[in-house]
Amino acid sequence: MPVFKAPFNGYSVKFSPFYESRLAVATAQNFGILGNGKIHVLELSPGPPGVTESVSFDTADAVYDVSWSESHDSVLVAALGDGSVKIYDTSLPPPSNPIRSFQEHAREVHSVDYNPTRRDSFLTASWDDTVKLWAMDLPASIRTFKEHAYCVYQAVWNPKHGDVFASASGDCTLRIWDVREPGSTMIIPGHDFEILSCDWNKYDDCVLATSSVDKTIKVWDVRSYRAPLAVLNGHGYAVRKVKFSPHRRSLIASCSYDMSVCLWDYMVEDALVGRYDHHTEFAVGIDMSVLVEGLMASTGWDELVYVWQQGMDPRAS
């Protein structure tokens, strides 16, 4: 399976929604604490070496997350450690990029998510405790959502409702928002420790998952959230990222500071259905291809990006 070695520590990996062989990787120097960043655009190929870099963009600060545009096949949005949000056109050479830069967040921007249904807007979540809504063609953010009492680590759009999103925070809550409403519409005190990630089920727009410093993943139904639908135990340390499969209703991927990537089926009793121990440092980025069923990618602080098919060994050639 393809492996890419980056010069910096991996933070996020995202498959293109337009090209099955393309993915973007966000990286940061010195574990994201101090130094530069770099965005890599990679192309998968059937023969060796299996993955090549088509273009890269240097940044003056760490890049914590990237998200492909859902409306322009060459455009991606990046979340940076200096509080900026930058837009890149990968069809243009590096000196012509970024094509846009926004500087509104007061602290690190930790996640970015492009709206998959409206395809004209995106969300950013920041350590300044806020979530911001942006449109690609507007010079400033449309709105700031400020209710969380601590860092917001991730904000993700509902896959079916273009006005609804969820946010996961270090204040131990998951919040559901509707951009048409003045405040959050639901507050779920999901964990006793920081919530690091959340994602919506792609087949049931009322179900989502959270992951936490408490080493667990919890699955919630917003129609009845007093108790989780499932609690998934198996990681040895904080669960950094959680992602629902775009192809199977009950399948969830996760990655953790225990250096593993796990696959779960939250609807069966023995929920842990796959475990991959290919990383040698914190595993912090995970994605599943929308275009190729079973194709996965992960990245971590070992500066490596792995791409593999479910059921295969990511380290196998």
C-alpha atoms as a PDB file:
ATOM      1  CA  MET A   1       0.000   0.000   0.000  1.00  0.00           C
ATOM      2  CA  PRO A   2       1.248   3.540  -0.737  1.00  0.00           C
ATOM      3  CA  VAL A   3       3.244   5.388   1.936  1.00  0.00           C
ATOM      4  CA  PHE A   4       4.321   9.035   1.718  1.00  0.00           C
ATOM      5  CA  LYS A   5       7.072  10.523   3.882  1.00  0.00           C
ATOM      6  CA  ALA A   6       6.522  14.184   4.722  1.00  0.00           C
ATOM      7  CA  PRO A   7       9.215  16.529   6.052  1.00  0.00           C
ATOM      8  CA  PHE A   8       6.984  17.611   8.969  1.00  0.00           C
ATOM      9  CA  ASN A   9       4.559  15.943  11.380  1.00  0.00           C
ATOM     10  CA  GLY A  10       1.232  14.899   9.846  1.00  0.00           C
ATOM     11  CA  TYR A  11      -1.950  16.475  11.216  1.00  0.00           C
ATOM     12  CA  SER A  12      -4.766  15.834   8.742  1.00  0.00           C
ATOM     13  CA  VAL A  13      -5.441  13.888   5.552  1.00  0.00           C
ATOM     14  CA  LYS A  14      -8.430  14.313   3.210  1.00  0.00           C
ATOM     15  CA  PHE A  15      -9.469  12.477   0.041  1.00  0.00           C
ATOM     16  CA  SER A  16     -10.661  14.597  -2.864  1.00  0.00           C
ATOM     17  CA  PRO A  17     -14.429  14.421  -3.480  1.00  0.00           C
ATOM     18  CA  PHE A  18     -13.752  14.721  -7.225  1.00  0.00           C
ATOM     19  CA  TYR A  19     -10.739  12.482  -7.989  1.00  0.00           C
ATOM     20  CA  GLU A  20     -10.376   9.029  -6.475  1.00  0.00           C
ATOM     21  CA  SER A  21      -6.572   9.131  -6.693  1.00  0.00           C
ATOM     22  CA  ARG A  22      -6.061  12.551  -5.062  1.00  0.00           C
ATOM     23  CA  LEU A  23      -5.632  13.526  -1.423  1.00  0.00           C
ATOM     24  CA  ALA A  24      -4.369  16.482   0.597  1.00  0.00           C
ATOM     25  CA  VAL A  25      -2.241  16.384   3.737  1.00  0.00           C
ATOM     26  CA  ALA A  26      -1.775  19.067   6.396  1.00  0.00           C
ATOM     27  CA  THR A  27       1.550  19.048   8.257  1.00  0.00           C
ATOM     28  CA  ALA A  28       3.337  21.043  10.949  1.00  0.00           C
ATOM     29  CA  GLN A  29       6.956  21.407  11.998  1.00  0.00           C
ATOM     30  CA  ASN A  30       8.021  20.501  15.559  1.00  0.00           C
ATOM     31  CA  PHE A  31       4.713  18.756  16.355  1.00  0.00           C
ATOM     32  CA  GLY A  32       2.795  21.961  15.655  1.00  0.00           C
ATOM     33  CA  ILE A  33       4.235  23.780  18.658  1.00  0.00           C
ATOM     34  CA  LEU A  34       6.542  26.177  16.830  1.00  0.00           C
ATOM     35  CA  GLY A  35       7.630  26.517  13.228  1.00  0.00           C
ATOM     36  CA  ASN A  36       6.403  26.259   9.660  1.00  0.00           C
ATOM     37  CA  GLY A  37       3.775  24.132   7.973  1.00  0.00           C
ATOM     38  CA  LYS A  38       3.271  22.489   4.607  1.00  0.00           C
ATOM     39  CA  ILE A  39       0.315  21.293   2.549  1.00  0.00           C
ATOM     40  CA  HIS A  40       0.927  18.327   0.250  1.00  0.00           C
ATOM     41  CA  VAL A  41      -1.315  17.288  -2.631  1.00  0.00           C
ATOM     42  CA  LEU A  42      -0.717  13.623  -3.421  1.00  0.00           C
ATOM     43  CA  GLU A  43      -1.672  11.408  -6.366  1.00  0.00           C
ATOM     44  CA  LEU A  44      -2.107   7.654  -6.057  1.00  0.00           C
ATOM     45  CA  SER A  45      -0.855   5.431  -8.877  1.00  0.00           C
ATOM     46  CA  PRO A  46      -1.180   1.684  -9.542  1.00  0.00           C
ATOM     47  CA  GLY A  47       2.568   1.076  -9.924  1.00  0.00           C
ATOM     48  CA  PRO A  48       5.478   1.909  -7.619  1.00  0.00           C
ATOM     49  CA  PRO A  49       5.990   4.084  -5.680  1.00  0.00           C
ATOM     50  CA  GLY A  50       2.189   4.128  -5.382  1.00  0.00           C
ATOM     51  CA  VAL A  51       1.966   7.760  -4.315  1.00  0.00           C
ATOM     52  CA  THR A  52       3.629  10.927  -5.616  1.00  0.00           C
ATOM     53  CA  GLU A  53       3.431  14.583  -4.676  1.00  0.00           C
ATOM     54  CA  SER A  54       1.862  16.722  -7.407  1.00  0.00           C
ATOM     55  CA  VAL A  55       2.261  20.068  -5.616  1.00  0.00           C
ATOM     56  CA  SER A  56       3.027  21.445  -2.158  1.00  0.00           C
ATOM     57  CA  PHE A  57       2.513  24.781  -0.435  1.00  0.00           C
ATOM     58  CA  ASP A  58       4.762  26.157   2.300  1.00  0.00           C
ATOM     59  CA  THR A  59       3.198  28.098   5.167  1.00  0.00           C
ATOM     60  CA  ALA A  60       4.716  30.311   7.857  1.00  0.00           C
ATOM     61  CA  ASP A  61       2.826  28.481  10.601  1.00  0.00           C
ATOM     62  CA  ALA A  62       1.523  25.001  11.359  1.00  0.00           C
ATOM     63  CA  VAL A  63      -1.307  23.601   9.213  1.00  0.00           C
ATOM     64  CA  TYR A  64      -3.754  21.699  11.427  1.00  0.00           C
ATOM     65  CA  ASP A  65      -6.461  20.774   8.929  1.00  0.00           C
ATOM     66  CA  VAL A  66      -7.463  20.918   5.265  1.00  0.00           C
ATOM     67  CA  SER A  67     -10.812  20.527   3.500  1.00  0.00           C
ATOM     68  CA  TRP A  68     -11.462  20.180  -0.216  1.00  0.00           C
ATOM     69  CA  SER A  69     -14.007  22.481  -1.822  1.00  0.00           C
ATOM     70  CA  GLU A  70     -17.214  20.690  -2.816  1.00  0.00           C
ATOM     71  CA  SER A  71     -17.744  23.048  -5.767  1.00  0.00           C
ATOM     72  CA  HIS A  72     -14.261  23.538  -7.304  1.00  0.00           C
ATOM     73  CA  ASP A  73     -12.172  20.423  -7.902  1.00  0.00           C
ATOM     74  CA  SER A  74      -8.807  22.153  -7.470  1.00  0.00           C
ATOM     75  CA  VAL A  75      -9.585  24.297  -4.417  1.00  0.00           C
ATOM     76  CA  LEU A  76      -8.876  23.502  -0.779  1.00  0.00           C
ATOM     77  CA  VAL A  77      -9.179  25.419   2.491  1.00  0.00           C
ATOM     78  CA  ALA A  78      -6.509  25.244   5.213  1.00  0.00           C
ATOM     79  CA  ALA A  79      -6.668  25.905   8.976  1.00  0.00           C
ATOM     80  CA  LEU A  80      -3.465  27.403  10.391  1.00  0.00           C
ATOM     81  CA  GLY A  81      -1.830  27.811  13.754  1.00  0.00           C
ATOM     82  CA  ASP A  82      -1.523  31.594  13.430  1.00  0.00           C
ATOM     83  CA  GLY A  83      -5.322  31.949  13.442  1.00  0.00           C
ATOM     84  CA  SER A  84      -5.560  32.365   9.676  1.00  0.00           C
ATOM     85  CA  VAL A  85      -7.714  30.509   7.157  1.00  0.00           C
ATOM     86  CA  LYS A  86      -6.197  30.220   3.683  1.00  0.00           C
ATOM     87  CA  ILE A  87      -7.622  29.117   0.347  1.00  0.00           C
ATOM     88  CA  TYR A  88      -5.432  27.399  -2.241  1.00  0.00           C
ATOM     89  CA  ASP A  89      -6.002  26.597  -5.900  1.00  0.00           C
ATOM     90  CA  THR A  90      -3.934  23.501  -6.579  1.00  0.00           C
ATOM     91  CA  SER A  91      -4.088  24.114 -10.354  1.00  0.00           C
ATOM     92  CA  LEU A  92      -1.991  27.261  -9.871  1.00  0.00           C
ATOM     93  CA  PRO A  93       1.745  27.263  -9.046  1.00  0.00           C
ATOM     94  CA  PRO A  94       2.816  27.847  -5.418  1.00  0.00           C
ATOM     95  CA  PRO A  95       3.851  31.516  -6.001  1.00  0.00           C
ATOM     96  CA  SER A  96       0.229  32.261  -7.022  1.00  0.00           C
ATOM     97  CA  ASN A  97      -1.084  30.836  -3.753  1.00  0.00           C
ATOM     98  CA  PRO A  98      -2.858  31.234  -1.428  1.00  0.00           C
ATOM     99  CA  ILE A  99      -5.598  32.883  -3.488  1.00  0.00           C
ATOM    100  CA  ARG A 100      -7.377  34.105  -0.332  1.00  0.00           C
ATOM    101  CA  SER A 101      -6.425  34.574   3.309  1.00  0.00           C
ATOM    102  CA  PHE A 102      -8.684  35.390   6.241  1.00  0.00           C
ATOM    103  CA  GLN A 103      -7.361  36.548   9.607  1.00  0.00           C
ATOM    104  CA  GLU A 104     -10.154  36.652  12.189  1.00  0.00           C
ATOM    105  CA  HIS A 105      -9.609  33.898  14.750  1.00  0.00           C
ATOM    106  CA  ALA A 106      -7.659  35.017  17.823  1.00  0.00           C
ATOM    107  CA  ARG A 107      -5.946  31.648  18.290  1.00  0.00           C
ATOM    108  CA  GLU A 108      -5.069  28.476  16.374  1.00  0.00           C
ATOM    109  CA  VAL A 109      -7.631  27.245  13.838  1.00  0.00           C
ATOM    110  CA  HIS A 110      -7.962  23.532  14.475  1.00  0.00           C
ATOM    111  CA  SER A 111     -10.491  22.322  11.904  1.00  0.00           C
ATOM    112  CA  VAL A 112     -12.175  23.296   8.647  1.00  0.00           C
ATOM    113  CA  ASP A 113     -15.189  21.645   7.006  1.00  0.00           C
ATOM    114  CA  TYR A 114     -16.723  22.489   3.625  1.00  0.00           C
ATOM    115  CA  ASN A 115     -20.512  22.320   3.340  1.00  0.00           C
ATOM    116  CA  PRO A 116     -21.315  19.140   1.356  1.00  0.00           C
ATOM    117  CA  THR A 117     -24.918  20.059   0.525  1.00  0.00           C
ATOM    118  CA  ARG A 118     -24.864  23.823  -0.105  1.00  0.00           C
ATOM    119  CA  ARG A 119     -21.313  23.667  -1.498  1.00  0.00           C
ATOM    120  CA  ASP A 120     -20.818  27.409  -1.061  1.00  0.00           C
ATOM    121  CA  SER A 121     -19.667  27.781   2.549  1.00  0.00           C
ATOM    122  CA  PHE A 122     -17.380  26.290   5.173  1.00  0.00           C
ATOM    123  CA  LEU A 123     -16.849  26.197   8.940  1.00  0.00           C
ATOM    124  CA  THR A 124     -13.724  26.756  11.005  1.00  0.00           C
ATOM    125  CA  ALA A 125     -13.255  25.772  14.652  1.00  0.00           C
ATOM    126  CA  SER A 126     -10.641  27.427  16.825  1.00  0.00           C
ATOM    127  CA  TRP A 127      -8.864  27.380  20.139  1.00  0.00           C
ATOM    128  CA  ASP A 128     -10.369  30.858  20.669  1.00  0.00           C
ATOM    129  CA  ASP A 129     -13.548  28.938  21.705  1.00  0.00           C
ATOM    130  CA  THR A 130     -15.488  29.921  18.564  1.00  0.00           C
ATOM    131  CA  VAL A 131     -16.782  28.483  15.313  1.00  0.00           C
ATOM    132  CA  LYS A 132     -16.967  30.742  12.252  1.00  0.00           C
ATOM    133  CA  LEU A 133     -19.079  30.433   9.112  1.00  0.00           C
ATOM    134  CA  TRP A 134     -17.527  31.607   5.837  1.00  0.00           C
ATOM    135  CA  ALA A 135     -18.447  31.895   2.174  1.00  0.00           C
ATOM    136  CA  MET A 136     -15.766  31.569  -0.452  1.00  0.00           C
ATOM    137  CA  ASP A 137     -16.629  34.861  -2.191  1.00  0.00           C
ATOM    138  CA  LEU A 138     -17.081  37.101   0.878  1.00  0.00           C
ATOM    139  CA  PRO A 139     -14.207  39.115   2.385  1.00  0.00           C
ATOM    140  CA  ALA A 140     -15.105  38.333   6.014  1.00  0.00           C
ATOM    141  CA  SER A 141     -16.855  35.615   7.992  1.00  0.00           C
ATOM    142  CA  ILE A 142     -20.643  35.546   7.868  1.00  0.00           C
ATOM    143  CA  ARG A 143     -21.136  34.686  11.521  1.00  0.00           C
ATOM    144  CA  THR A 144     -19.297  33.703  14.705  1.00  0.00           C
ATOM    145  CA  PHE A 145     -20.771  31.051  17.026  1.00  0.00           C
ATOM    146  CA  LYS A 146     -19.539  31.683  20.559  1.00  0.00           C
ATOM    147  CA  GLU A 147     -20.964  29.502  23.322  1.00  0.00           C
ATOM    148  CA  HIS A 148     -18.246  26.999  24.105  1.00  0.00           C
ATOM    149  CA  ALA A 149     -16.227  27.696  27.249  1.00  0.00           C
ATOM    150  CA  TYR A 150     -12.983  26.216  25.910  1.00  0.00           C
ATOM    151  CA  CYS A 151     -11.196  25.279  22.673  1.00  0.00           C
ATOM    152  CA  VAL A 152     -13.398  24.050  19.828  1.00  0.00           C
ATOM    153  CA  TYR A 153     -11.511  21.189  18.240  1.00  0.00           C
ATOM    154  CA  GLN A 154     -13.883  20.361  15.395  1.00  0.00           C
ATOM    155  CA  ALA A 155     -17.036  21.570  13.659  1.00  0.00           C
ATOM    156  CA  VAL A 156     -18.729  19.400  11.028  1.00  0.00           C
ATOM    157  CA  TRP A 157     -21.734  19.904   8.770  1.00  0.00           C
ATOM    158  CA  ASN A 158     -24.699  17.562   8.827  1.00  0.00           C
ATOM    159  CA  PRO A 159     -24.529  15.490   5.605  1.00  0.00           C
ATOM    160  CA  LYS A 160     -28.200  16.118   4.705  1.00  0.00           C
ATOM    161  CA  HIS A 161     -29.178  19.464   6.230  1.00  0.00           C
ATOM    162  CA  GLY A 162     -27.159  22.378   4.850  1.00  0.00           C
ATOM    163  CA  ASP A 163     -27.904  24.660   7.824  1.00  0.00           C
ATOM    164  CA  VAL A 164     -27.054  22.222  10.628  1.00  0.00           C
ATOM    165  CA  PHE A 165     -23.653  21.461  12.134  1.00  0.00           C
ATOM    166  CA  ALA A 166     -22.105  19.983  15.269  1.00  0.00           C
ATOM    167  CA  SER A 167     -19.133  21.200  17.314  1.00  0.00           C
ATOM    168  CA  ALA A 168     -16.852  19.303  19.705  1.00  0.00           C
ATOM    169  CA  SER A 169     -15.067  21.158  22.486  1.00  0.00           C
ATOM    170  CA  GLY A 170     -12.617  20.898  25.336  1.00  0.00           C
ATOM    171  CA  ASP A 171     -15.472  22.074  27.580  1.00  0.00           C
ATOM    172  CA  CYS A 172     -16.692  18.437  27.409  1.00  0.00           C
ATOM    173  CA  THR A 173     -19.806  19.284  25.383  1.00  0.00           C
ATOM    174  CA  LEU A 174     -21.068  18.503  21.930  1.00  0.00           C
ATOM    175  CA  ARG A 175     -23.295  21.243  20.551  1.00  0.00           C
ATOM    176  CA  ILE A 176     -25.743  21.127  17.655  1.00  0.00           C
ATOM    177  CA  TRP A 177     -26.353  24.348  15.749  1.00  0.00           C
ATOM    178  CA  ASP A 178     -28.674  25.626  13.048  1.00  0.00           C
ATOM    179  CA  VAL A 179     -27.272  28.710  11.307  1.00  0.00           C
ATOM    180  CA  ARG A 180     -30.816  30.107  11.108  1.00  0.00           C
ATOM    181  CA  GLU A 181     -31.115  30.094  14.914  1.00  0.00           C
ATOM    182  CA  PRO A 182     -29.542  32.639  17.318  1.00  0.00           C
ATOM    183  CA  GLY A 183     -27.844  30.023  19.511  1.00  0.00           C
ATOM    184  CA  SER A 184     -27.125  26.308  19.698  1.00  0.00           C
ATOM    185  CA  THR A 185     -30.204  24.099  19.477  1.00  0.00           C
ATOM    186  CA  MET A 186     -28.817  21.268  21.601  1.00  0.00           C
ATOM    187  CA  ILE A 187     -26.081  20.800  24.205  1.00  0.00           C
ATOM    188  CA  ILE A 188     -24.921  17.235  24.899  1.00  0.00           C
ATOM    189  CA  PRO A 189     -22.559  16.832  27.889  1.00  0.00           C
ATOM    190  CA  GLY A 190     -21.000  13.900  26.090  1.00  0.00           C
ATOM    191  CA  HIS A 191     -17.893  13.065  28.124  1.00  0.00           C
ATOM    192  CA  ASP A 192     -16.263  13.858  31.459  1.00  0.00           C
ATOM    193  CA  PHE A 193     -13.088  14.905  29.646  1.00  0.00           C
ATOM    194  CA  GLU A 194     -12.311  16.990  26.566  1.00  0.00           C
ATOM    195  CA  ILE A 195     -14.139  16.051  23.359  1.00  0.00           C
ATOM    196  CA  LEU A 196     -11.580  16.110  20.545  1.00  0.00           C
ATOM    197  CA  SER A 197     -13.650  15.139  17.518  1.00  0.00           C
ATOM    198  CA  CYS A 198     -17.141  14.494  16.174  1.00  0.00           C
ATOM    199  CA  ASP A 199     -18.736  13.264  12.958  1.00  0.00           C
ATOM    200  CA  TRP A 200     -22.220  12.633  11.578  1.00  0.00           C
ATOM    201  CA  ASN A 201     -23.518   9.310  10.340  1.00  0.00           C
ATOM    202  CA  LYS A 202     -23.820   9.568   6.555  1.00  0.00           C
ATOM    203  CA  TYR A 203     -27.005   7.439   6.447  1.00  0.00           C
ATOM    204  CA  ASP A 204     -28.869   8.692   9.514  1.00  0.00           C
ATOM    205  CA  ASP A 205     -28.788  12.465   9.929  1.00  0.00           C
ATOM    206  CA  CYS A 206     -29.757  12.202  13.608  1.00  0.00           C
ATOM    207  CA  VAL A 207     -26.789  10.043  14.628  1.00  0.00           C
ATOM    208  CA  LEU A 208     -23.270  11.235  15.368  1.00  0.00           C
ATOM    209  CA  ALA A 209     -20.122  10.072  17.116  1.00  0.00           C
ATOM    210  CA  THR A 210     -17.760  11.807  19.543  1.00  0.00           C
ATOM    211  CA  SER A 211     -14.241  10.926  20.648  1.00  0.00           C
ATOM    212  CA  SER A 212     -12.537  12.044  23.817  1.00  0.00           C
ATOM    213  CA  VAL A 213      -9.486  12.258  26.014  1.00  0.00           C
ATOM    214  CA  ASP A 214     -11.291   9.616  28.121  1.00  0.00           C
ATOM    215  CA  LYS A 215     -10.173   7.004  25.483  1.00  0.00           C
ATOM    216  CA  THR A 216     -13.755   6.294  24.339  1.00  0.00           C
ATOM    217  CA  ILE A 217     -15.928   6.883  21.308  1.00  0.00           C
ATOM    218  CA  LYS A 218     -19.615   7.473  21.952  1.00  0.00           C
ATOM    219  CA  VAL A 219     -22.452   7.280  19.428  1.00  0.00           C
ATOM    220  CA  TRP A 220     -25.435   9.575  19.965  1.00  0.00           C
ATOM    221  CA  ASP A 221     -28.958   9.965  18.617  1.00  0.00           C
ATOM    222  CA  VAL A 222     -30.023  13.608  18.850  1.00  0.00           C
ATOM    223  CA  ARG A 223     -33.655  12.502  19.205  1.00  0.00           C
ATOM    224  CA  SER A 224     -32.810  10.816  22.509  1.00  0.00           C
ATOM    225  CA  TYR A 225     -29.424  11.879  23.820  1.00  0.00           C
ATOM    226  CA  ARG A 226     -29.678  11.304  27.571  1.00  0.00           C
ATOM    227  CA  ALA A 227     -27.650   8.126  27.072  1.00  0.00           C
ATOM    228  CA  PRO A 228     -25.389   7.169  24.145  1.00  0.00           C
ATOM    229  CA  LEU A 229     -26.442   4.505  21.648  1.00  0.00           C
ATOM    230  CA  ALA A 230     -23.020   2.907  22.074  1.00  0.00           C
ATOM    231  CA  VAL A 231     -19.758   3.381  23.953  1.00  0.00           C
ATOM    232  CA  LEU A 232     -16.719   2.016  22.121  1.00  0.00           C
ATOM    233  CA  ASN A 233     -13.735   1.029  24.276  1.00  0.00           C
ATOM    234  CA  GLY A 234     -10.432  -0.205  22.905  1.00  0.00           C
ATOM    235  CA  HIS A 235      -8.040   2.699  22.520  1.00  0.00           C
ATOM    236  CA  GLY A 236      -5.335   3.059  25.154  1.00  0.00           C
ATOM    237  CA  TYR A 237      -5.065   6.838  25.059  1.00  0.00           C
ATOM    238  CA  ALA A 238      -7.062   9.864  23.897  1.00  0.00           C
ATOM    239  CA  VAL A 239      -9.009   9.316  20.649  1.00  0.00           C
ATOM    240  CA  ARG A 240      -7.939  12.158  18.403  1.00  0.00           C
ATOM    241  CA  LYS A 241     -10.267  11.760  15.412  1.00  0.00           C
ATOM    242  CA  VAL A 242     -13.461   9.878  14.590  1.00  0.00           C
ATOM    243  CA  LYS A 243     -14.986   9.429  11.127  1.00  0.00           C
ATOM    244  CA  PHE A 244     -18.145   7.682   9.903  1.00  0.00           C
ATOM    245  CA  SER A 245     -17.880   5.565   6.754  1.00  0.00           C
ATOM    246  CA  PRO A 246     -19.412   7.119   3.616  1.00  0.00           C
ATOM    247  CA  HIS A 247     -20.386   3.610   2.455  1.00  0.00           C
ATOM    248  CA  ARG A 248     -21.482   1.575   5.497  1.00  0.00           C
ATOM    249  CA  ARG A 249     -24.051   2.900   7.957  1.00  0.00           C
ATOM    250  CA  SER A 250     -22.565   1.496  11.148  1.00  0.00           C
ATOM    251  CA  LEU A 251     -18.821   1.643  10.362  1.00  0.00           C
ATOM    252  CA  ILE A 252     -16.599   4.159  12.179  1.00  0.00           C
ATOM    253  CA  ALA A 253     -12.862   4.797  11.839  1.00  0.00           C
ATOM    254  CA  SER A 254     -10.787   6.352  14.617  1.00  0.00           C
ATOM    255  CA  CYS A 255      -7.183   7.234  15.386  1.00  0.00           C
ATOM    256  CA  SER A 256      -5.518   7.808  18.714  1.00  0.00           C
ATOM    257  CA  TYR A 257      -2.516   8.904  20.708  1.00  0.00           C
ATOM    258  CA  ASP A 258      -1.998   5.149  21.283  1.00  0.00           C
ATOM    259  CA  MET A 259      -0.658   5.232  17.667  1.00  0.00           C
ATOM    260  CA  SER A 260      -3.397   2.956  16.322  1.00  0.00           C
ATOM    261  CA  VAL A 261      -6.160   3.313  13.754  1.00  0.00           C
ATOM    262  CA  CYS A 262      -9.309   1.359  14.599  1.00  0.00           C
ATOM    263  CA  LEU A 263     -12.447   0.308  12.741  1.00  0.00           C
ATOM    264  CA  TRP A 264     -15.694  -0.163  14.634  1.00  0.00           C
ATOM    265  CA  ASP A 265     -19.182  -1.460  13.897  1.00  0.00           C
ATOM    266  CA  TYR A 266     -21.200   0.246  16.610  1.00  0.00           C
ATOM    267  CA  MET A 267     -24.281  -1.924  15.946  1.00  0.00           C
ATOM    268  CA  VAL A 268     -22.678  -5.242  16.931  1.00  0.00           C
ATOM    269  CA  GLU A 269     -21.601  -6.490  20.359  1.00  0.00           C
ATOM    270  CA  ASP A 270     -17.920  -6.956  19.524  1.00  0.00           C
ATOM    271  CA  ALA A 271     -17.658  -3.501  18.012  1.00  0.00           C
ATOM    272  CA  LEU A 272     -13.912  -3.445  17.287  1.00  0.00           C
ATOM    273  CA  VAL A 273     -13.656  -4.992  13.810  1.00  0.00           C
ATOM    274  CA  GLY A 274     -10.198  -3.816  12.749  1.00  0.00           C
ATOM    275  CA  ARG A 275      -7.011  -2.448  14.283  1.00  0.00           C
ATOM    276  CA  TYR A 276      -3.999  -1.090  12.436  1.00  0.00           C
ATOM    277  CA  ASP A 277      -0.738  -0.426  14.279  1.00  0.00           C
ATOM    278  CA  HIS A 278       1.331   0.985  11.414  1.00  0.00           C
ATOM    279  CA  HIS A 279       2.140   4.394  12.947  1.00  0.00           C
ATOM    280  CA  THR A 280       5.092   4.795  15.329  1.00  0.00           C
ATOM    281  CA  GLU A 281       3.943   8.140  16.791  1.00  0.00           C
ATOM    282  CA  PHE A 282       0.575   9.693  17.638  1.00  0.00           C
ATOM    283  CA  ALA A 283      -1.993   8.942  14.898  1.00  0.00           C
ATOM    284  CA  VAL A 284      -3.921  12.193  14.479  1.00  0.00           C
ATOM    285  CA  GLY A 285      -5.486  12.224  10.992  1.00  0.00           C
ATOM    286  CA  ILE A 286      -7.898   9.761   9.389  1.00  0.00           C
ATOM    287  CA  ASP A 287     -10.152   9.756   6.328  1.00  0.00           C
ATOM    288  CA  MET A 288     -12.245   7.371   4.243  1.00  0.00           C
ATOM    289  CA  SER A 289     -12.701   7.860   0.510  1.00  0.00           C
ATOM    290  CA  VAL A 290     -16.171   8.803  -0.721  1.00  0.00           C
ATOM    291  CA  LEU A 291     -15.336   7.602  -4.240  1.00  0.00           C
ATOM    292  CA  VAL A 292     -13.628   4.257  -3.521  1.00  0.00           C
ATOM    293  CA  GLU A 293     -15.346   2.013  -0.997  1.00  0.00           C
ATOM    294  CA  GLY A 294     -12.977   0.721   1.695  1.00  0.00           C
ATOM    295  CA  LEU A 295     -10.086   3.048   0.810  1.00  0.00           C
ATOM    296  CA  MET A 296      -8.595   4.666   3.922  1.00  0.00           C
ATOM    297  CA  ALA A 297      -5.807   7.104   4.736  1.00  0.00           C
ATOM    298  CA  SER A 298      -4.089   8.096   7.959  1.00  0.00           C
ATOM    299  CA  THR A 299      -1.298  10.389   9.065  1.00  0.00           C
ATOM    300  CA  GLY A 300       0.565  11.011  12.285  1.00  0.00           C
ATOM    301  CA  TRP A 301       3.472  12.601  14.069  1.00  0.00           C
ATOM    302  CA  ASP A 302       5.813   9.991  12.523  1.00  0.00           C
ATOM    303  CA  GLU A 303       5.659  12.174   9.351  1.00  0.00           C
ATOM    304  CA  LEU A 304       4.048   9.338   7.384  1.00  0.00           C
ATOM    305  CA  VAL A 305       0.859   9.147   5.319  1.00  0.00           C
ATOM    306  CA  TYR A 306      -0.559   5.664   4.708  1.00  0.00           C
ATOM    307  CA  VAL A 307      -3.233   4.787   2.140  1.00  0.00           C
ATOM    308  CA  TRP A 308      -4.732   1.317   2.194  1.00  0.00           C
ATOM    309  CA  GLN A 309      -7.788  -0.825   1.587  1.00  0.00           C
ATOM    310  CA  GLN A 310      -9.787  -2.038   4.581  1.00  0.00           C
ATOM    311  CA  GLY A 311      -8.689  -5.527   5.553  1.00  0.00           C
ATOM    312  CA  MET A 312      -5.179  -5.051   4.144  1.00  0.00           C
ATOM    313  CA  ASP A 313      -1.967  -4.335   6.058  1.00  0.00           C
ATOM    314  CA  PRO A 314      -1.100  -0.647   5.508  1.00  0.00           C
ATOM    315  CA  ARG A 315       2.598  -1.555   5.639  1.00  0.00           C
ATOM    316  CA  ALA A 316       2.342  -4.240   2.928  1.00  0.00           C
ATOM    317  CA  SER A 317       3.859  -3.311  -0.423  1.00  0.00           C
END
